[in-house]
PDB file of all heavy atoms in Angstrom:
ATOM      1  N   LYS A   1       7.014   3.190  -5.861  1.00  0.00           N
ATOM      2  CA  LYS A   1       7.605   2.100  -5.082  1.00  0.00           C
ATOM      3  C   LYS A   1       7.518   0.743  -5.757  1.00  0.00           C
ATOM      4  O   LYS A   1       7.969  -0.255  -5.184  1.00  0.00           O
ATOM      5  CB  LYS A   1       6.909   2.011  -3.720  1.00  0.00           C
ATOM      6  CG  LYS A   1       7.058   3.245  -2.866  1.00  0.00           C
ATOM      7  CD  LYS A   1       6.280   3.082  -1.557  1.00  0.00           C
ATOM      8  CE  LYS A   1       6.384   4.297  -0.664  1.00  0.00           C
ATOM      9  NZ  LYS A   1       5.620   4.133   0.599  1.00  0.00           N
ATOM     10  N   ILE A   2       6.952   0.674  -6.965  1.00  0.00           N
ATOM     11  CA  ILE A   2       6.726  -0.622  -7.596  1.00  0.00           C
ATOM     12  C   ILE A   2       8.010  -1.428  -7.732  1.00  0.00           C
ATOM     13  O   ILE A   2       8.008  -2.662  -7.641  1.00  0.00           O
ATOM     14  CB  ILE A   2       6.044  -0.445  -8.983  1.00  0.00           C
ATOM     15  CG1 ILE A   2       5.564  -1.790  -9.527  1.00  0.00           C
ATOM     16  CG2 ILE A   2       6.975   0.237  -9.965  1.00  0.00           C
ATOM     17  CD1 ILE A   2       4.338  -2.320  -8.879  1.00  0.00           C
ATOM     18  N   GLY A   3       9.124  -0.743  -7.919  1.00  0.00           N
ATOM     19  CA  GLY A   3      10.399  -1.439  -8.062  1.00  0.00           C
ATOM     20  C   GLY A   3      10.848  -2.147  -6.807  1.00  0.00           C
ATOM     21  O   GLY A   3      11.699  -3.049  -6.865  1.00  0.00           O
ATOM     22  N   SER A   4      10.307  -1.756  -5.657  1.00  0.00           N
ATOM     23  CA  SER A   4      10.715  -2.361  -4.386  1.00  0.00           C
ATOM     24  C   SER A   4       9.869  -3.569  -4.007  1.00  0.00           C
ATOM     25  O   SER A   4      10.158  -4.225  -2.998  1.00  0.00           O
ATOM     26  CB  SER A   4      10.637  -1.317  -3.263  1.00  0.00           C
ATOM     27  OG  SER A   4       9.286  -0.943  -3.017  1.00  0.00           O
ATOM     28  N   LEU A   5       8.832  -3.862  -4.785  1.00  0.00           N
ATOM     29  CA  LEU A   5       7.965  -5.008  -4.468  1.00  0.00           C
ATOM     30  C   LEU A   5       8.699  -6.297  -4.816  1.00  0.00           C
ATOM     31  O   LEU A   5       8.919  -6.617  -5.982  1.00  0.00           O
ATOM     32  CB  LEU A   5       6.651  -4.902  -5.255  1.00  0.00           C
ATOM     33  CG  LEU A   5       5.635  -6.023  -5.039  1.00  0.00           C
ATOM     34  CD1 LEU A   5       5.270  -6.165  -3.566  1.00  0.00           C
ATOM     35  CD2 LEU A   5       4.387  -5.782  -5.886  1.00  0.00           C
ATOM     36  N   ARG A   6       9.051  -7.063  -3.796  1.00  0.00           N
ATOM     37  CA  ARG A   6       9.860  -8.266  -3.993  1.00  0.00           C
ATOM     38  C   ARG A   6       9.040  -9.475  -4.411  1.00  0.00           C
ATOM     39  O   ARG A   6       9.572 -10.402  -5.022  1.00  0.00           O
ATOM     40  CB  ARG A   6      10.636  -8.583  -2.712  1.00  0.00           C
ATOM     41  CG  ARG A   6      11.645  -7.503  -2.338  1.00  0.00           C
ATOM     42  CD  ARG A   6      12.438  -7.897  -1.100  1.00  0.00           C
ATOM     43  NE  ARG A   6      13.421  -6.885  -0.753  1.00  0.00           N
ATOM     44  CZ  ARG A   6      14.250  -6.972   0.280  1.00  0.00           C
ATOM     45  NH1 ARG A   6      14.188  -8.053   1.071  1.00  0.00           N
ATOM     46  NH2 ARG A   6      15.116  -6.021   0.540  1.00  0.00           N
ATOM     47  N   ASP A   7       7.768  -9.505  -4.049  1.00  0.00           N
ATOM     48  CA  ASP A   7       6.903 -10.630  -4.400  1.00  0.00           C
ATOM     49  C   ASP A   7       5.802 -10.116  -5.323  1.00  0.00           C
ATOM     50  O   ASP A   7       4.748  -9.673  -4.855  1.00  0.00           O
ATOM     51  CB  ASP A   7       6.303 -11.248  -3.135  1.00  0.00           C
ATOM     52  CG  ASP A   7       5.539 -12.534  -3.424  1.00  0.00           C
ATOM     53  OD1 ASP A   7       5.358 -12.853  -4.624  1.00  0.00           O
ATOM     54  OD2 ASP A   7       5.109 -13.204  -2.469  1.00  0.00           O
ATOM     55  N   PRO A   8       6.013 -10.140  -6.634  1.00  0.00           N
ATOM     56  CA  PRO A   8       5.034  -9.561  -7.568  1.00  0.00           C
ATOM     57  C   PRO A   8       3.628 -10.137  -7.442  1.00  0.00           C
ATOM     58  O   PRO A   8       2.654  -9.442  -7.714  1.00  0.00           O
ATOM     59  CB  PRO A   8       5.637  -9.883  -8.942  1.00  0.00           C
ATOM     60  CG  PRO A   8       7.108 -10.007  -8.694  1.00  0.00           C
ATOM     61  CD  PRO A   8       7.196 -10.644  -7.337  1.00  0.00           C
ATOM     62  N   GLU A   9       3.515 -11.409  -7.027  1.00  0.00           N
ATOM     63  CA  GLU A   9       2.186 -12.007  -6.890  1.00  0.00           C
ATOM     64  C   GLU A   9       1.386 -11.388  -5.743  1.00  0.00           C
ATOM     65  O   GLU A   9       0.172 -11.558  -5.680  1.00  0.00           O
ATOM     66  CB  GLU A   9       2.307 -13.518  -6.671  1.00  0.00           C
ATOM     67  CG  GLU A   9       2.811 -14.273  -7.891  1.00  0.00           C
ATOM     68  CD  GLU A   9       2.773 -15.775  -7.684  1.00  0.00           C
ATOM     69  OE1 GLU A   9       2.311 -16.215  -6.605  1.00  0.00           O
ATOM     70  OE2 GLU A   9       3.196 -16.507  -8.590  1.00  0.00           O
ATOM     71  N   ARG A  10       2.048 -10.653  -4.877  1.00  0.00           N
ATOM     72  CA  ARG A  10       1.389 -10.040  -3.727  1.00  0.00           C
ATOM     73  C   ARG A  10       1.031  -8.583  -3.994  1.00  0.00           C
ATOM     74  O   ARG A  10       0.814  -7.809  -3.059  1.00  0.00           O
ATOM     75  CB  ARG A  10       2.311 -10.124  -2.505  1.00  0.00           C
ATOM     76  CG  ARG A  10       2.728 -11.525  -2.137  1.00  0.00           C
ATOM     77  CD  ARG A  10       1.605 -12.301  -1.517  1.00  0.00           C
ATOM     78  NE  ARG A  10       1.222 -11.756  -0.215  1.00  0.00           N
ATOM     79  CZ  ARG A  10       0.134 -12.114   0.445  1.00  0.00           C
ATOM     80  NH1 ARG A  10      -0.698 -12.999  -0.074  1.00  0.00           N
ATOM     81  NH2 ARG A  10      -0.134 -11.596   1.627  1.00  0.00           N
ATOM     82  N   PHE A  11       0.934  -8.206  -5.266  1.00  0.00           N
ATOM     83  CA  PHE A  11       0.648  -6.806  -5.584  1.00  0.00           C
ATOM     84  C   PHE A  11      -0.642  -6.332  -4.925  1.00  0.00           C
ATOM     85  O   PHE A  11      -0.695  -5.228  -4.377  1.00  0.00           O
ATOM     86  CB  PHE A  11       0.535  -6.610  -7.105  1.00  0.00           C
ATOM     87  CG  PHE A  11       0.098  -5.212  -7.470  1.00  0.00           C
ATOM     88  CD1 PHE A  11       1.013  -4.175  -7.514  1.00  0.00           C
ATOM     89  CD2 PHE A  11      -1.239  -4.929  -7.751  1.00  0.00           C
ATOM     90  CE1 PHE A  11       0.613  -2.879  -7.822  1.00  0.00           C
ATOM     91  CE2 PHE A  11      -1.651  -3.644  -8.071  1.00  0.00           C
ATOM     92  CZ  PHE A  11      -0.716  -2.621  -8.100  1.00  0.00           C
ATOM     93  N   GLY A  12      -1.707  -7.135  -4.976  1.00  0.00           N
ATOM     94  CA  GLY A  12      -3.001  -6.708  -4.450  1.00  0.00           C
ATOM     95  C   GLY A  12      -2.952  -6.314  -2.982  1.00  0.00           C
ATOM     96  O   GLY A  12      -3.292  -5.177  -2.627  1.00  0.00           O
ATOM     97  N   PRO A  13      -2.533  -7.228  -2.086  1.00  0.00           N
ATOM     98  CA  PRO A  13      -2.444  -6.853  -0.674  1.00  0.00           C
ATOM     99  C   PRO A  13      -1.485  -5.694  -0.429  1.00  0.00           C
ATOM    100  O   PRO A  13      -1.739  -4.845   0.431  1.00  0.00           O
ATOM    101  CB  PRO A  13      -1.950  -8.139  -0.005  1.00  0.00           C
ATOM    102  CG  PRO A  13      -2.400  -9.235  -0.916  1.00  0.00           C
ATOM    103  CD  PRO A  13      -2.302  -8.665  -2.294  1.00  0.00           C
ATOM    104  N   TRP A  14      -0.387  -5.663  -1.175  1.00  0.00           N
ATOM    105  CA  TRP A  14       0.583  -4.568  -1.043  1.00  0.00           C
ATOM    106  C   TRP A  14      -0.056  -3.231  -1.393  1.00  0.00           C
ATOM    107  O   TRP A  14       0.090  -2.240  -0.659  1.00  0.00           O
ATOM    108  CB  TRP A  14       1.776  -4.863  -1.951  1.00  0.00           C
ATOM    109  CG  TRP A  14       2.842  -3.816  -1.996  1.00  0.00           C
ATOM    110  CD1 TRP A  14       3.777  -3.549  -1.037  1.00  0.00           C
ATOM    111  CD2 TRP A  14       3.105  -2.913  -3.079  1.00  0.00           C
ATOM    112  NE1 TRP A  14       4.607  -2.524  -1.461  1.00  0.00           N
ATOM    113  CE2 TRP A  14       4.214  -2.121  -2.698  1.00  0.00           C
ATOM    114  CE3 TRP A  14       2.513  -2.708  -4.325  1.00  0.00           C
ATOM    115  CZ2 TRP A  14       4.747  -1.134  -3.533  1.00  0.00           C
ATOM    116  CZ3 TRP A  14       3.029  -1.721  -5.150  1.00  0.00           C
ATOM    117  CH2 TRP A  14       4.139  -0.943  -4.767  1.00  0.00           C
ATOM    118  N   ALA A  15      -0.783  -3.183  -2.496  1.00  0.00           N
ATOM    119  CA  ALA A  15      -1.453  -1.951  -2.910  1.00  0.00           C
ATOM    120  C   ALA A  15      -2.545  -1.558  -1.921  1.00  0.00           C
ATOM    121  O   ALA A  15      -2.724  -0.383  -1.594  1.00  0.00           O
ATOM    122  CB  ALA A  15      -2.033  -2.112  -4.317  1.00  0.00           C
ATOM    123  N   MET A  16      -3.296  -2.553  -1.435  1.00  0.00           N
ATOM    124  CA  MET A  16      -4.333  -2.277  -0.443  1.00  0.00           C
ATOM    125  C   MET A  16      -3.725  -1.683   0.831  1.00  0.00           C
ATOM    126  O   MET A  16      -4.301  -0.785   1.459  1.00  0.00           O
ATOM    127  CB  MET A  16      -5.090  -3.559  -0.103  1.00  0.00           C
ATOM    128  CG  MET A  16      -5.990  -4.078  -1.196  1.00  0.00           C
ATOM    129  SD  MET A  16      -7.540  -3.146  -1.305  1.00  0.00           S
ATOM    130  CE  MET A  16      -8.470  -4.195  -2.420  1.00  0.00           C
ATOM    131  N   ARG A  17      -2.566  -2.171   1.218  1.00  0.00           N
ATOM    132  CA  ARG A  17      -1.911  -1.648   2.420  1.00  0.00           C
ATOM    133  C   ARG A  17      -1.529  -0.176   2.217  1.00  0.00           C
ATOM    134  O   ARG A  17      -1.656   0.638   3.148  1.00  0.00           O
ATOM    135  CB  ARG A  17      -0.669  -2.486   2.735  1.00  0.00           C
ATOM    136  CG  ARG A  17       0.117  -2.007   3.962  1.00  0.00           C
ATOM    137  CD  ARG A  17      -0.672  -2.229   5.237  1.00  0.00           C
ATOM    138  NE  ARG A  17       0.060  -1.788   6.411  1.00  0.00           N
ATOM    139  CZ  ARG A  17       0.935  -2.523   7.073  1.00  0.00           C
ATOM    140  NH1 ARG A  17       1.216  -3.758   6.647  1.00  0.00           N
ATOM    141  NH2 ARG A  17       1.531  -2.066   8.144  1.00  0.00           N
ATOM    142  N   ILE A  18      -1.067   0.166   1.046  1.00  0.00           N
ATOM    143  CA  ILE A  18      -0.724   1.558   0.766  1.00  0.00           C
ATOM    144  C   ILE A  18      -1.966   2.439   0.862  1.00  0.00           C
ATOM    145  O   ILE A  18      -1.941   3.531   1.442  1.00  0.00           O
ATOM    146  CB  ILE A  18      -0.046   1.681  -0.618  1.00  0.00           C
ATOM    147  CG1 ILE A  18       1.335   1.015  -0.580  1.00  0.00           C
ATOM    148  CG2 ILE A  18       0.083   3.143  -1.030  1.00  0.00           C
ATOM    149  CD1 ILE A  18       2.046   0.974  -1.922  1.00  0.00           C
ATOM    150  N   VAL A  19      -3.084   1.965   0.292  1.00  0.00           N
ATOM    151  CA  VAL A  19      -4.335   2.722   0.393  1.00  0.00           C
ATOM    152  C   VAL A  19      -4.759   2.851   1.855  1.00  0.00           C
ATOM    153  O   VAL A  19      -5.189   3.928   2.294  1.00  0.00           O
ATOM    154  CB  VAL A  19      -5.449   2.044  -0.439  1.00  0.00           C
ATOM    155  CG1 VAL A  19      -6.794   2.713  -0.178  1.00  0.00           C
ATOM    156  CG2 VAL A  19      -5.116   2.119  -1.921  1.00  0.00           C
ATOM    157  N   THR A  20      -4.649   1.758   2.602  1.00  0.00           N
ATOM    158  CA  THR A  20      -5.001   1.798   4.021  1.00  0.00           C
ATOM    159  C   THR A  20      -4.218   2.892   4.743  1.00  0.00           C
ATOM    160  O   THR A  20      -4.779   3.686   5.512  1.00  0.00           O
ATOM    161  CB  THR A  20      -4.713   0.436   4.684  1.00  0.00           C
ATOM    162  OG1 THR A  20      -5.535  -0.563   4.073  1.00  0.00           O
ATOM    163  CG2 THR A  20      -4.995   0.476   6.171  1.00  0.00           C
ATOM    164  N   ASN A  21      -2.916   2.944   4.493  1.00  0.00           N
ATOM    165  CA  ASN A  21      -2.082   3.946   5.159  1.00  0.00           C
ATOM    166  C   ASN A  21      -2.452   5.362   4.734  1.00  0.00           C
ATOM    167  O   ASN A  21      -2.469   6.289   5.560  1.00  0.00           O
ATOM    168  CB  ASN A  21      -0.613   3.670   4.871  1.00  0.00           C
ATOM    169  CG  ASN A  21      -0.117   2.405   5.552  1.00  0.00           C
ATOM    170  OD1 ASN A  21      -0.686   1.949   6.542  1.00  0.00           O
ATOM    171  ND2 ASN A  21       0.940   1.814   5.017  1.00  0.00           N
ATOM    172  N   LYS A  22      -2.751   5.568   3.460  1.00  0.00           N
ATOM    173  CA  LYS A  22      -3.146   6.901   2.987  1.00  0.00           C
ATOM    174  C   LYS A  22      -4.459   7.330   3.631  1.00  0.00           C
ATOM    175  O   LYS A  22      -4.632   8.503   4.004  1.00  0.00           O
ATOM    176  CB  LYS A  22      -3.271   6.909   1.464  1.00  0.00           C
ATOM    177  CG  LYS A  22      -1.961   6.690   0.707  1.00  0.00           C
ATOM    178  CD  LYS A  22      -0.979   7.806   0.968  1.00  0.00           C
ATOM    179  CE  LYS A  22       0.325   7.593   0.199  1.00  0.00           C
ATOM    180  NZ  LYS A  22       1.322   8.651   0.487  1.00  0.00           N
ATOM    181  N   CYS A  23      -5.400   6.392   3.758  1.00  0.00           N
ATOM    182  CA  CYS A  23      -6.681   6.723   4.375  1.00  0.00           C
ATOM    183  C   CYS A  23      -6.519   7.042   5.853  1.00  0.00           C
ATOM    184  O   CYS A  23      -7.188   7.942   6.383  1.00  0.00           O
ATOM    185  CB  CYS A  23      -7.665   5.566   4.188  1.00  0.00           C
ATOM    186  SG  CYS A  23      -8.241   5.353   2.485  1.00  0.00           S
ATOM    187  N   ARG A  24      -5.643   6.327   6.508  1.00  0.00           N
ATOM    188  CA  ARG A  24      -5.393   6.627   7.919  1.00  0.00           C
ATOM    189  C   ARG A  24      -4.753   7.996   8.076  1.00  0.00           C
ATOM    190  O   ARG A  24      -5.028   8.716   9.053  1.00  0.00           O
ATOM    191  CB  ARG A  24      -4.532   5.529   8.533  1.00  0.00           C
ATOM    192  CG  ARG A  24      -5.314   4.236   8.755  1.00  0.00           C
ATOM    193  CD  ARG A  24      -4.444   3.082   9.193  1.00  0.00           C
ATOM    194  NE  ARG A  24      -5.260   1.898   9.459  1.00  0.00           N
ATOM    195  CZ  ARG A  24      -4.771   0.676   9.596  1.00  0.00           C
ATOM    196  NH1 ARG A  24      -3.469   0.464   9.492  1.00  0.00           N
ATOM    197  NH2 ARG A  24      -5.580  -0.344   9.840  1.00  0.00           N
ATOM    198  N   ASP A  25      -3.919   8.383   7.119  1.00  0.00           N
ATOM    199  CA  ASP A  25      -3.359   9.736   7.143  1.00  0.00           C
ATOM    200  C   ASP A  25      -4.465  10.777   7.043  1.00  0.00           C
ATOM    201  O   ASP A  25      -4.455  11.791   7.754  1.00  0.00           O
ATOM    202  CB  ASP A  25      -2.369   9.919   5.983  1.00  0.00           C
ATOM    203  CG  ASP A  25      -1.074   9.155   6.186  1.00  0.00           C
ATOM    204  OD1 ASP A  25      -0.801   8.740   7.337  1.00  0.00           O
ATOM    205  OD2 ASP A  25      -0.338   8.970   5.193  1.00  0.00           O
ATOM    206  N   VAL A  26      -5.422  10.544   6.137  1.00  0.00           N
ATOM    207  CA  VAL A  26      -6.542  11.471   5.965  1.00  0.00           C
ATOM    208  C   VAL A  26      -7.342  11.569   7.258  1.00  0.00           C
ATOM    209  O   VAL A  26      -7.711  12.665   7.702  1.00  0.00           O
ATOM    210  CB  VAL A  26      -7.455  11.010   4.803  1.00  0.00           C
ATOM    211  CG1 VAL A  26      -8.746  11.832   4.777  1.00  0.00           C
ATOM    212  CG2 VAL A  26      -6.719  11.143   3.472  1.00  0.00           C
ATOM    213  N   ARG A  27      -7.620  10.444   7.886  1.00  0.00           N
ATOM    214  CA  ARG A  27      -8.414  10.447   9.116  1.00  0.00           C
ATOM    215  C   ARG A  27      -7.686  11.162  10.247  1.00  0.00           C
ATOM    216  O   ARG A  27      -8.297  11.899  11.027  1.00  0.00           O
ATOM    217  CB  ARG A  27      -8.768   9.015   9.511  1.00  0.00           C
ATOM    218  CG  ARG A  27      -9.935   8.460   8.695  1.00  0.00           C
ATOM    219  CD  ARG A  27      -9.964   6.969   8.632  1.00  0.00           C
ATOM    220  NE  ARG A  27      -9.847   6.324   9.920  1.00  0.00           N
ATOM    221  CZ  ARG A  27      -9.735   5.009  10.074  1.00  0.00           C
ATOM    222  NH1 ARG A  27      -9.706   4.216   9.003  1.00  0.00           N
ATOM    223  NH2 ARG A  27      -9.648   4.467  11.259  1.00  0.00           N
ATOM    224  N   ARG A  28      -6.353  10.979  10.330  1.00  0.00           N
ATOM    225  CA  ARG A  28      -5.603  11.668  11.373  1.00  0.00           C
ATOM    226  C   ARG A  28      -5.651  13.181  11.174  1.00  0.00           C
ATOM    227  O   ARG A  28      -5.806  13.940  12.131  1.00  0.00           O
ATOM    228  CB  ARG A  28      -4.150  11.183  11.383  1.00  0.00           C
ATOM    229  CG  ARG A  28      -3.941   9.875  12.128  1.00  0.00           C
ATOM    230  CD  ARG A  28      -2.467   9.632  12.398  1.00  0.00           C
ATOM    231  NE  ARG A  28      -1.722   9.440  11.158  1.00  0.00           N
ATOM    232  CZ  ARG A  28      -1.499   8.257  10.604  1.00  0.00           C
ATOM    233  NH1 ARG A  28      -1.988   7.161  11.174  1.00  0.00           N
ATOM    234  NH2 ARG A  28      -0.804   8.148   9.502  1.00  0.00           N
ATOM    235  N   LYS A  29      -5.542  13.617   9.924  1.00  0.00           N
ATOM    236  CA  LYS A  29      -5.592  15.048   9.643  1.00  0.00           C
ATOM    237  C   LYS A  29      -6.944  15.633  10.010  1.00  0.00           C
ATOM    238  O   LYS A  29      -7.043  16.757  10.493  1.00  0.00           O
ATOM    239  CB  LYS A  29      -5.290  15.303   8.168  1.00  0.00           C
ATOM    240  CG  LYS A  29      -3.848  15.013   7.769  1.00  0.00           C
ATOM    241  CD  LYS A  29      -3.652  15.184   6.273  1.00  0.00           C
ATOM    242  CE  LYS A  29      -2.229  14.828   5.858  1.00  0.00           C
ATOM    243  NZ  LYS A  29      -2.053  14.905   4.384  1.00  0.00           N
TER     244      LYS A  29
END
């Protein structure tokens, strides 16, 4: 999804959000 990141300076929070969502998927399972 890196190509869809419109604000490159916001990479950190964007990446953290992806990790957050993946972890929530694990917890739901």
